[in-house]
N, C-alpha and C. Protein backbone atom coordinates (compact mmCIF):
# COMPACT_ATOMS: atom_id res chain seq x y z
N MET A 1 -8.45 -9.39 15.94
CA MET A 1 -7.31 -8.73 15.48
C MET A 1 -7.46 -7.72 14.38
N THR A 2 -7.02 -6.59 14.35
CA THR A 2 -7.25 -5.60 13.32
C THR A 2 -5.90 -5.25 12.63
N MET A 3 -6.03 -4.74 11.54
CA MET A 3 -4.71 -4.36 10.85
C MET A 3 -4.55 -2.96 11.36
N LYS A 4 -3.28 -2.43 11.42
CA LYS A 4 -2.88 -1.11 11.78
C LYS A 4 -2.49 -0.26 10.61
N SER A 5 -2.65 1.07 10.57
CA SER A 5 -2.32 1.89 9.48
C SER A 5 -0.99 2.01 9.05
N ASP A 6 0.00 1.54 10.19
CA ASP A 6 1.44 1.53 9.97
C ASP A 6 1.94 0.05 9.51
N ASP A 7 1.07 -0.81 9.31
CA ASP A 7 1.44 -2.11 8.87
C ASP A 7 2.09 -2.13 7.48
N PRO A 8 3.33 -2.62 7.29
CA PRO A 8 4.05 -2.51 6.14
C PRO A 8 3.45 -3.36 4.94
N LEU A 9 2.55 -4.36 5.31
CA LEU A 9 1.77 -5.09 4.32
C LEU A 9 1.00 -4.10 3.48
N LEU A 10 0.53 -3.04 4.00
CA LEU A 10 -0.45 -2.20 3.34
C LEU A 10 0.30 -1.55 2.04
N ARG A 11 1.51 -1.48 2.17
CA ARG A 11 2.33 -0.84 0.98
C ARG A 11 2.27 -1.74 -0.27
N ILE A 12 2.05 -3.08 0.02
CA ILE A 12 2.14 -3.99 -1.09
C ILE A 12 0.83 -4.58 -1.64
N LEU A 13 -0.18 -4.46 -0.75
CA LEU A 13 -1.42 -4.99 -1.17
C LEU A 13 -2.08 -4.08 -2.15
N ALA A 14 -2.81 -4.90 -3.05
CA ALA A 14 -3.46 -4.25 -4.22
C ALA A 14 -4.82 -4.86 -4.38
N CYS A 15 -5.64 -4.05 -4.97
CA CYS A 15 -6.93 -4.59 -5.49
C CYS A 15 -6.87 -5.65 -6.33
N PRO A 16 -7.47 -6.82 -6.39
CA PRO A 16 -7.42 -7.80 -7.23
C PRO A 16 -8.03 -7.48 -8.61
N LEU A 17 -8.84 -6.55 -8.76
CA LEU A 17 -9.46 -6.20 -9.93
C LEU A 17 -8.77 -5.19 -10.73
N ASP A 18 -8.35 -4.02 -10.11
CA ASP A 18 -7.56 -2.97 -10.91
C ASP A 18 -6.16 -2.81 -10.55
N LYS A 19 -5.66 -3.72 -9.55
CA LYS A 19 -4.20 -3.81 -9.23
C LYS A 19 -3.78 -2.41 -8.51
N GLY A 20 -4.67 -1.53 -8.19
CA GLY A 20 -4.37 -0.31 -7.49
C GLY A 20 -4.18 -0.47 -6.02
N PRO A 21 -3.72 0.61 -5.38
CA PRO A 21 -3.58 0.63 -3.89
C PRO A 21 -5.00 0.38 -3.23
N LEU A 22 -4.94 -0.03 -2.14
CA LEU A 22 -6.17 -0.11 -1.11
C LEU A 22 -5.83 0.71 0.11
N HIS A 23 -6.97 1.24 0.60
CA HIS A 23 -6.87 2.08 1.77
C HIS A 23 -7.64 1.37 3.03
N LEU A 24 -6.87 1.43 4.12
CA LEU A 24 -7.34 0.77 5.39
C LEU A 24 -8.49 1.63 5.92
N ILE A 25 -9.69 1.15 6.25
CA ILE A 25 -10.76 1.77 6.97
C ILE A 25 -10.31 2.01 8.40
N ALA A 26 -10.71 3.08 9.00
CA ALA A 26 -10.08 3.42 10.28
C ALA A 26 -10.23 2.43 11.29
N GLU A 27 -11.26 1.76 11.41
CA GLU A 27 -11.53 0.65 12.36
C GLU A 27 -10.55 -0.52 12.11
N GLY A 28 -9.81 -0.65 11.04
CA GLY A 28 -9.02 -1.75 10.78
C GLY A 28 -9.59 -2.92 10.24
N ASP A 29 -10.83 -2.90 9.93
CA ASP A 29 -11.65 -4.19 9.73
C ASP A 29 -11.96 -4.39 8.26
N ALA A 30 -11.37 -3.52 7.39
CA ALA A 30 -11.62 -3.54 5.98
C ALA A 30 -10.68 -2.72 5.17
N LEU A 31 -10.43 -3.14 3.95
CA LEU A 31 -9.65 -2.39 2.98
C LEU A 31 -10.65 -1.87 1.92
N TYR A 32 -10.31 -0.68 1.40
CA TYR A 32 -11.27 -0.05 0.58
C TYR A 32 -10.61 0.42 -0.77
N ASN A 33 -11.18 0.29 -2.00
CA ASN A 33 -10.66 0.71 -3.14
C ASN A 33 -11.68 1.77 -3.53
N PRO A 34 -11.41 3.10 -3.35
CA PRO A 34 -12.33 4.14 -3.76
C PRO A 34 -12.58 4.31 -5.29
N ARG A 35 -11.63 3.66 -6.02
CA ARG A 35 -11.84 3.88 -7.58
C ARG A 35 -12.87 3.06 -8.09
N LEU A 36 -13.10 1.83 -7.52
CA LEU A 36 -14.14 0.99 -8.02
C LEU A 36 -15.31 0.78 -6.97
N HIS A 37 -15.24 1.46 -5.88
CA HIS A 37 -16.17 1.60 -4.68
C HIS A 37 -16.52 0.06 -4.10
N ARG A 38 -15.21 -0.59 -3.98
CA ARG A 38 -15.18 -2.04 -3.40
C ARG A 38 -14.56 -2.02 -2.08
N ARG A 39 -15.33 -2.81 -1.21
CA ARG A 39 -14.59 -2.98 0.16
C ARG A 39 -14.28 -4.43 0.23
N TYR A 40 -13.12 -4.72 0.81
CA TYR A 40 -12.69 -6.10 1.17
C TYR A 40 -12.49 -6.23 2.70
N PRO A 41 -13.09 -7.37 3.19
CA PRO A 41 -12.93 -7.51 4.68
C PRO A 41 -11.59 -8.01 5.15
N ILE A 42 -11.33 -7.70 6.38
CA ILE A 42 -10.13 -8.33 7.03
C ILE A 42 -10.76 -9.22 8.09
N VAL A 43 -10.46 -10.46 8.06
CA VAL A 43 -10.85 -11.52 8.88
C VAL A 43 -9.79 -12.05 9.58
N ASP A 44 -9.82 -11.92 11.10
CA ASP A 44 -8.75 -12.40 12.04
C ASP A 44 -7.35 -11.82 11.59
N GLY A 45 -7.29 -10.62 11.08
CA GLY A 45 -6.02 -9.92 10.57
C GLY A 45 -5.57 -10.35 9.23
N ILE A 46 -6.38 -11.05 8.51
CA ILE A 46 -6.07 -11.47 7.11
C ILE A 46 -6.93 -10.86 6.08
N PRO A 47 -6.40 -9.99 5.23
CA PRO A 47 -7.16 -9.42 4.21
C PRO A 47 -7.66 -10.45 3.27
N GLN A 48 -8.99 -10.30 3.12
CA GLN A 48 -9.64 -11.37 1.95
C GLN A 48 -9.68 -10.57 0.69
N LEU A 49 -8.76 -10.97 -0.18
CA LEU A 49 -8.54 -10.10 -1.41
C LEU A 49 -8.87 -10.97 -2.70
N LEU A 50 -9.79 -11.92 -2.58
CA LEU A 50 -10.22 -12.61 -3.71
C LEU A 50 -11.29 -11.75 -4.45
N PRO A 51 -11.45 -11.75 -5.72
CA PRO A 51 -12.47 -10.77 -6.37
C PRO A 51 -13.78 -10.91 -5.73
N ALA A 52 -14.26 -12.24 -5.48
CA ALA A 52 -15.44 -12.56 -4.87
C ALA A 52 -15.69 -12.15 -3.44
N SER A 53 -14.60 -11.86 -2.79
CA SER A 53 -14.67 -11.34 -1.35
C SER A 53 -15.07 -9.93 -1.35
N GLY A 54 -14.78 -9.22 -2.48
CA GLY A 54 -14.95 -7.68 -2.38
C GLY A 54 -16.63 -7.40 -2.31
N GLU A 55 -17.00 -6.28 -1.95
CA GLU A 55 -18.36 -6.03 -1.72
C GLU A 55 -18.40 -4.54 -2.37
N GLN A 56 -19.39 -4.44 -3.35
CA GLN A 56 -19.76 -3.15 -3.98
C GLN A 56 -20.46 -2.24 -2.99
N VAL A 57 -20.02 -1.06 -2.87
CA VAL A 57 -20.86 -0.14 -1.95
C VAL A 57 -21.51 0.85 -2.79
N SER A 58 -22.56 1.37 -2.05
CA SER A 58 -23.40 2.57 -2.73
C SER A 58 -22.66 3.83 -2.68
N ASP A 59 -23.28 4.76 -3.27
CA ASP A 59 -22.49 6.06 -3.41
C ASP A 59 -22.59 6.66 -2.07
N ASP A 60 -23.62 6.54 -1.22
CA ASP A 60 -23.72 7.05 0.07
C ASP A 60 -22.70 6.48 1.00
N GLU A 61 -22.57 5.12 0.86
CA GLU A 61 -21.57 4.52 1.73
C GLU A 61 -20.13 4.87 1.42
N HIS A 62 -19.82 4.98 0.08
CA HIS A 62 -18.63 5.51 -0.49
C HIS A 62 -18.26 6.69 0.30
N GLU A 63 -19.15 7.72 0.32
CA GLU A 63 -18.80 9.01 0.95
C GLU A 63 -18.42 8.86 2.28
N GLU A 64 -19.15 7.97 3.13
CA GLU A 64 -18.98 7.60 4.49
C GLU A 64 -17.55 6.92 4.67
N LEU A 65 -17.20 5.97 3.71
CA LEU A 65 -15.92 5.25 3.81
C LEU A 65 -14.75 6.25 3.54
N LEU A 66 -14.97 7.23 2.61
CA LEU A 66 -13.86 8.10 2.34
C LEU A 66 -13.54 8.95 3.68
N GLN A 67 -14.51 9.14 4.57
CA GLN A 67 -14.34 9.94 5.80
C GLN A 67 -13.68 9.00 6.85
N ARG A 68 -13.87 7.72 6.67
CA ARG A 68 -13.30 6.75 7.66
C ARG A 68 -12.02 6.23 7.30
N MET A 69 -11.52 6.52 6.12
CA MET A 69 -10.10 5.99 5.73
C MET A 69 -9.09 6.58 6.59
N ALA A 70 -8.16 5.52 7.07
CA ALA A 70 -7.11 5.89 7.96
C ALA A 70 -6.13 6.82 7.20
N PRO A 71 -5.40 7.98 7.93
CA PRO A 71 -4.60 8.64 7.50
C PRO A 71 -3.40 8.02 6.93
């Protein structure tokens, strides 16, 4: 089960570290914080938003994720 870009939950979800908005990755399998370069997985439709769940991404992967962010 993936999250959709029109899911109302996306308007209230925030990064656990900087409390800023998160962006859905186009495939719906992760949320991304471009400010901190951190990706949070979505498992069985449930965002995993504990600080330890986030994964730091490289600069190259950051550029790729910016391209894949859902509109």
